[in-house]
Amino acid sequence: MCFSASASFTSGVVLTVIGIACIKKTHHPSQQLFAGIPFLFGVQQIAEGVLWISLPNGSDTNIQMIFTCLFLFFAQVLWPVWVPLSILMLEKNKNKIQFQKILVVAGIIVSTYLAYCILSYSVEAKIVEHHIVYIQNYPSVFRGYGILFYALATIAPAFFSNIRGMHLFGTAILISYIVSAIFYEHYVLSVWCFFSAIISLSIYFIVDGISKRESNAFKMEMLSKIK
């Protein structure tokens, strides 16, 4: 979360529980990447909770750096690949699959670039006005392209998916990012994760819907065989 250590740890626990519930509803390994997103959100929030505790203590510089890089790994390296790939794994429409593959490639590009930046340039986390600010001295020349590719990878796949309810997931991400960018311009990385609970609930309903449809299809198939 973005407001306190207790908020981060509480949301982390709640999100991991939602994630476990989502994973338990899956019937196939191909569904587990998408269902596991809330669990990973939870781990990310717990990492930020550790920062809330360690940042006021200037002597814990190694811990601060480890968990700053861990949080940035989730935010900037993992999600641009995990989100489009998890949706691609669910997709069954051949035409949609081809386009989703392009979005996965866009995610790999931005993820690789941001991973390079995290390793090559100085990064730092600070508590400013009850928020955590992530200071990243990345080259500004590619910033616009980075934002475009990141949006393509994390937002677009949901709107081009054939999976029922996936637009709800995409809308939750889009609204969350817009609200964070408008009202918390300098704390987007941290505050955006406040909305991870809403996004995770949308994932639960999508996974639950897939599970129910597959169960009904299986029952219909068995009934047809009996007849």
Protein backbone atom coordinates (compact mmCIF):
# COMPACT_ATOMS: atom_id res chain seq x y z
CA MET A 1 0.00 0.00 0.00
CA CYS A 2 1.18 3.57 0.09
CA PHE A 3 0.11 5.06 3.41
CA SER A 4 1.73 3.03 6.21
CA ALA A 5 3.49 -0.21 7.10
CA SER A 6 0.34 -1.67 8.68
CA ALA A 7 -1.70 -0.87 5.55
CA SER A 8 0.93 -2.51 3.34
CA PHE A 9 1.15 -5.66 5.44
CA THR A 10 -2.63 -5.92 5.84
CA SER A 11 -3.25 -5.54 2.12
CA GLY A 12 -0.41 -7.97 1.44
CA VAL A 13 -2.06 -10.66 3.55
CA VAL A 14 -5.52 -10.01 2.08
CA LEU A 15 -4.18 -10.13 -1.48
CA THR A 16 -2.28 -13.36 -0.93
CA VAL A 17 -5.48 -14.94 0.46
CA ILE A 18 -7.42 -13.78 -2.61
CA GLY A 19 -4.63 -15.13 -4.80
CA ILE A 20 -4.72 -18.55 -3.14
CA ALA A 21 -8.52 -18.61 -3.54
CA CYS A 22 -8.16 -17.77 -7.23
CA ILE A 23 -5.53 -20.46 -7.81
CA LYS A 24 -7.69 -23.08 -6.09
CA LYS A 25 -10.49 -22.34 -8.57
CA THR A 26 -8.35 -23.11 -11.62
CA HIS A 27 -8.74 -26.36 -13.54
CA HIS A 28 -5.71 -26.13 -15.82
CA PRO A 29 -2.10 -24.92 -15.44
CA SER A 30 -2.74 -22.39 -18.24
CA GLN A 31 -5.11 -20.52 -15.88
CA GLN A 32 -2.70 -20.29 -12.97
CA LEU A 33 -0.58 -17.40 -14.27
CA PHE A 34 -3.63 -15.13 -14.37
CA ALA A 35 -5.09 -16.49 -11.13
CA GLY A 36 -1.76 -15.94 -9.39
CA ILE A 37 -1.68 -12.17 -9.99
CA PRO A 38 -3.36 -11.27 -6.65
CA PHE A 39 -0.86 -13.47 -4.78
CA LEU A 40 2.05 -11.64 -6.43
CA PHE A 41 0.37 -8.31 -5.65
CA GLY A 42 0.40 -9.43 -2.03
CA VAL A 43 4.12 -10.20 -2.08
CA GLN A 44 4.75 -6.79 -3.65
CA GLN A 45 2.78 -5.05 -0.92
CA ILE A 46 4.65 -6.93 1.81
CA ALA A 47 7.92 -5.79 0.23
CA GLU A 48 6.75 -2.20 0.48
CA GLY A 49 5.72 -2.82 4.09
CA VAL A 50 9.33 -3.74 4.87
CA LEU A 51 10.40 -0.44 3.29
CA TRP A 52 8.03 1.47 5.55
CA ILE A 53 9.79 -0.07 8.54
CA SER A 54 13.37 0.16 7.27
CA LEU A 55 13.38 3.61 5.65
CA PRO A 56 13.17 5.62 8.91
CA ASN A 57 16.18 3.63 10.16
CA GLY A 58 19.09 4.97 8.12
CA SER A 59 21.38 2.14 9.19
CA ASP A 60 19.39 -0.51 7.26
CA THR A 61 20.67 0.62 3.87
CA ASN A 62 21.20 -2.91 2.53
CA ILE A 63 17.66 -3.94 3.44
CA GLN A 64 16.32 -0.73 1.93
CA MET A 65 18.13 -1.34 -1.35
CA ILE A 66 17.07 -4.99 -1.55
CA PHE A 67 13.39 -4.26 -0.99
CA THR A 68 13.44 -1.14 -3.17
CA CYS A 69 14.79 -3.23 -6.04
CA LEU A 70 12.33 -6.02 -5.22
CA PHE A 71 9.37 -3.64 -5.36
CA LEU A 72 10.63 -2.12 -8.63
CA PHE A 73 11.18 -5.61 -10.03
CA PHE A 74 7.49 -6.39 -9.51
CA ALA A 75 6.27 -3.00 -10.73
CA GLN A 76 8.51 -2.53 -13.76
CA VAL A 77 9.94 -5.91 -14.78
CA LEU A 78 7.46 -8.61 -13.81
CA TRP A 79 4.07 -7.07 -14.63
CA PRO A 80 4.78 -6.01 -18.26
CA VAL A 81 5.49 -9.67 -19.08
CA TRP A 82 3.26 -11.53 -16.62
CA VAL A 83 0.02 -9.70 -17.42
CA PRO A 84 -0.02 -10.14 -21.23
CA LEU A 85 1.39 -13.68 -21.00
CA SER A 86 -1.23 -14.74 -18.43
CA ILE A 87 -4.04 -13.44 -20.67
CA LEU A 88 -2.47 -15.08 -23.73
CA MET A 89 -2.48 -18.42 -21.88
CA LEU A 90 -6.26 -18.09 -21.38
CA GLU A 91 -7.06 -17.06 -24.94
CA LYS A 92 -8.64 -19.61 -27.31
CA ASN A 93 -9.48 -17.43 -30.30
CA LYS A 94 -6.73 -17.88 -32.93
CA ASN A 95 -6.94 -14.31 -34.26
CA LYS A 96 -6.78 -12.89 -30.74
CA ILE A 97 -3.85 -15.15 -29.89
CA GLN A 98 -1.73 -13.69 -32.68
CA PHE A 99 -2.31 -10.13 -31.50
CA GLN A 100 -1.81 -11.06 -27.85
CA LYS A 101 1.60 -12.45 -28.81
CA ILE A 102 2.55 -9.01 -30.14
CA LEU A 103 1.58 -7.47 -26.79
CA VAL A 104 3.71 -10.04 -24.98
CA VAL A 105 6.66 -8.98 -27.13
CA ALA A 106 5.99 -5.33 -26.22
CA GLY A 107 6.03 -6.36 -22.58
CA ILE A 108 9.31 -8.22 -22.96
CA ILE A 109 10.90 -5.16 -24.59
CA VAL A 110 9.91 -2.71 -21.84
CA SER A 111 10.62 -5.26 -19.11
CA THR A 112 14.14 -5.90 -20.43
CA TYR A 113 14.85 -2.19 -20.71
CA LEU A 114 13.58 -1.42 -17.19
CA ALA A 115 15.51 -4.37 -15.75
CA TYR A 116 18.64 -2.90 -17.34
CA CYS A 117 17.84 0.51 -15.82
CA ILE A 118 17.32 -0.92 -12.33
CA LEU A 119 20.70 -2.66 -12.53
CA SER A 120 22.59 0.20 -14.21
CA TYR A 121 21.26 3.40 -12.63
CA SER A 122 20.74 4.53 -9.07
CA VAL A 123 17.34 3.90 -7.48
CA GLU A 124 16.15 5.01 -4.08
CA ALA A 125 13.00 4.94 -1.97
CA LYS A 126 12.00 7.77 0.36
CA ILE A 127 9.00 8.53 2.56
CA VAL A 128 7.51 11.87 1.52
CA GLU A 129 4.18 13.18 2.85
CA HIS A 130 2.89 9.77 3.99
CA HIS A 131 3.82 8.11 0.69
CA ILE A 132 6.83 6.23 -0.58
CA VAL A 133 8.55 7.91 -3.51
CA TYR A 134 10.73 5.82 -5.81
CA ILE A 135 13.55 7.94 -7.21
CA GLN A 136 14.84 6.46 -10.46
CA ASN A 137 17.59 8.16 -12.41
CA TYR A 138 16.75 6.47 -15.69
CA PRO A 139 17.54 8.13 -19.06
CA SER A 140 14.70 10.52 -19.92
CA VAL A 141 15.12 10.06 -23.68
CA PHE A 142 13.24 6.74 -23.68
CA ARG A 143 10.66 7.62 -21.04
CA GLY A 144 7.82 8.24 -23.51
CA TYR A 145 8.46 4.96 -25.31
CA GLY A 146 8.64 3.15 -21.98
CA ILE A 147 5.24 4.47 -20.90
CA LEU A 148 3.71 3.50 -24.26
CA PHE A 149 5.09 -0.05 -24.23
CA TYR A 150 4.18 -0.48 -20.56
CA ALA A 151 0.59 0.56 -21.25
CA LEU A 152 0.41 -1.74 -24.27
CA ALA A 153 1.63 -4.65 -22.19
CA THR A 154 -0.42 -4.16 -19.02
CA ILE A 155 -3.66 -2.54 -20.21
CA ALA A 156 -4.27 -3.42 -23.88
CA PRO A 157 -4.33 -7.25 -23.55
CA ALA A 158 -7.49 -7.19 -21.43
CA PHE A 159 -9.39 -5.11 -23.99
CA PHE A 160 -8.38 -7.35 -26.89
CA SER A 161 -9.19 -10.58 -25.09
CA ASN A 162 -12.08 -12.87 -25.90
CA ILE A 163 -12.39 -14.03 -22.28
CA ARG A 164 -15.70 -13.09 -20.67
CA GLY A 165 -15.27 -10.39 -18.03
CA MET A 166 -11.69 -9.55 -19.02
CA HIS A 167 -12.72 -6.01 -19.95
CA LEU A 168 -13.56 -5.51 -16.28
CA PHE A 169 -9.96 -6.36 -15.41
CA GLY A 170 -8.63 -3.95 -18.04
CA THR A 171 -10.97 -1.17 -16.93
CA ALA A 172 -9.89 -1.62 -13.29
CA ILE A 173 -6.23 -1.27 -14.27
CA LEU A 174 -6.87 1.72 -16.54
CA ILE A 175 -8.97 3.65 -13.98
CA SER A 176 -6.51 2.82 -11.21
CA TYR A 177 -3.58 4.15 -13.20
CA ILE A 178 -5.41 7.32 -14.30
CA VAL A 179 -6.58 8.16 -10.76
CA SER A 180 -3.10 7.56 -9.36
CA ALA A 181 -1.45 9.65 -12.07
CA ILE A 182 -3.86 12.57 -11.58
CA PHE A 183 -4.03 12.76 -7.80
CA TYR A 184 -0.66 11.31 -6.80
CA GLU A 185 1.61 12.30 -9.67
CA HIS A 186 4.87 11.80 -7.80
CA TYR A 187 3.85 8.60 -6.04
CA VAL A 188 2.28 6.64 -8.91
CA LEU A 189 4.34 3.45 -8.38
CA SER A 190 3.36 3.24 -4.73
CA VAL A 191 -0.21 4.55 -4.75
CA TRP A 192 -1.25 2.59 -7.83
CA CYS A 193 -0.91 -0.58 -5.78
CA PHE A 194 -3.64 0.70 -3.46
CA PHE A 195 -6.00 -0.31 -6.24
CA SER A 196 -4.55 -3.80 -6.49
CA ALA A 197 -7.36 -5.05 -4.23
CA ILE A 198 -9.99 -3.91 -6.74
CA ILE A 199 -8.02 -5.42 -9.61
CA SER A 200 -7.63 -8.66 -7.65
CA LEU A 201 -11.36 -8.90 -7.02
CA SER A 202 -11.98 -8.54 -10.76
CA ILE A 203 -9.53 -11.41 -11.30
CA TYR A 204 -11.40 -13.55 -8.77
CA PHE A 205 -14.71 -13.03 -10.57
CA ILE A 206 -13.13 -13.80 -13.97
CA VAL A 207 -11.48 -16.98 -12.71
CA ASP A 208 -14.66 -17.99 -10.89
CA GLY A 209 -16.63 -17.47 -14.10
CA ILE A 210 -14.20 -19.59 -16.10
CA SER A 211 -14.37 -22.31 -13.44
CA LYS A 212 -18.19 -22.38 -13.44
CA ARG A 213 -18.40 -22.46 -17.24
CA GLU A 214 -15.94 -25.33 -17.42
CA SER A 215 -17.78 -27.25 -14.69
CA ASN A 216 -21.10 -26.77 -16.49
CA ALA A 217 -19.56 -27.84 -19.79
CA PHE A 218 -18.18 -30.98 -18.15
CA LYS A 219 -21.55 -31.81 -16.61
CA MET A 220 -23.30 -31.34 -19.96
CA GLU A 221 -20.75 -33.59 -21.63
CA MET A 222 -21.27 -36.32 -19.03
CA LEU A 223 -25.05 -36.06 -19.34
CA SER A 224 -24.84 -36.36 -23.11
CA LYS A 225 -22.74 -39.53 -22.76
CA ILE A 226 -25.24 -41.04 -20.32
CA LYS A 227 -28.12 -40.35 -22.71
